[in-house]
């Protein structure tokens, strides 16, 4: 049973999340041959102030 935990910064629309779930599911079915009903995908939205990379907060990076 594949379990995918996808973390993204906040701001994706419901339609974008729906498309992400559809596309990831298609990929797992196509590559691993798993049944869609066995695939679990969790999307966690992280505030840009709570995500950092390259020595800075994502919120600071986005305002450059």
Protein backbone atom coordinates (compact mmCIF):
# COMPACT_ATOMS: atom_id res chain seq x y z
CA UNK A 1 0.00 0.00 0.00
CA UNK A 2 1.85 3.11 -1.17
CA UNK A 3 1.69 6.10 1.15
CA UNK A 4 2.88 9.45 -0.16
CA UNK A 5 3.30 12.45 2.13
CA UNK A 6 3.71 15.61 0.06
CA UNK A 7 4.67 18.82 1.83
CA UNK A 8 4.14 22.12 0.02
CA UNK A 9 3.97 25.74 1.05
CA UNK A 10 0.47 27.08 1.59
CA UNK A 11 -1.45 28.52 -1.31
CA UNK A 12 -2.40 25.66 -3.62
CA UNK A 13 -6.04 25.67 -4.69
CA UNK A 14 -8.36 22.71 -4.24
CA UNK A 15 -8.20 22.11 -8.00
CA UNK A 16 -4.40 22.08 -7.95
CA UNK A 17 -4.39 19.59 -5.07
CA UNK A 18 -6.92 17.43 -6.91
CA UNK A 19 -4.68 17.41 -9.99
CA UNK A 20 -1.62 16.53 -7.89
CA UNK A 21 -3.45 13.55 -6.36
CA UNK A 22 -4.66 12.38 -9.78
CA UNK A 23 -1.22 12.65 -11.37
CA UNK A 24 0.69 11.01 -8.51
CA UNK A 25 -1.87 8.19 -8.46
CA UNK A 26 -1.46 7.65 -12.23
CA UNK A 27 2.32 7.54 -11.82
CA UNK A 28 2.22 4.96 -9.02
CA UNK A 29 -0.26 2.82 -10.98
CA UNK A 30 1.86 3.06 -14.15
CA UNK A 31 5.26 2.52 -12.55
CA UNK A 32 4.49 0.11 -9.71
CA UNK A 33 1.29 -1.50 -10.98
CA UNK A 34 -0.57 -0.69 -7.76
CA UNK A 35 -4.35 -0.38 -7.59
CA UNK A 36 -5.57 3.22 -7.16
CA UNK A 37 -7.69 2.23 -4.16
CA UNK A 38 -4.51 1.15 -2.35
CA UNK A 39 -2.71 4.46 -2.82
CA UNK A 40 -2.84 7.04 -0.03
CA UNK A 41 -1.67 10.61 -0.57
CA UNK A 42 -1.49 13.24 2.15
CA UNK A 43 -0.85 16.87 1.25
CA UNK A 44 0.50 18.95 4.12
CA UNK A 45 0.60 22.69 3.65
CA UNK A 46 3.40 24.44 5.48
CA UNK A 47 3.40 28.17 6.14
CA UNK A 48 6.24 29.93 4.30
CA UNK A 49 7.47 31.24 7.69
CA UNK A 50 7.87 27.62 8.83
CA UNK A 51 9.94 26.45 5.85
CA UNK A 52 13.53 27.33 5.23
CA UNK A 53 16.23 26.55 2.71
CA UNK A 54 19.56 27.94 1.67
CA UNK A 55 19.88 29.71 5.02
CA UNK A 56 16.66 31.71 4.80
CA UNK A 57 12.94 31.45 5.39
CA UNK A 58 10.86 30.73 2.32
CA UNK A 59 8.73 33.80 3.08
CA UNK A 60 11.87 35.97 2.81
CA UNK A 61 12.91 34.27 -0.41
CA UNK A 62 9.49 34.88 -1.98
CA UNK A 63 9.65 38.61 -1.24
CA UNK A 64 13.02 39.17 -2.92
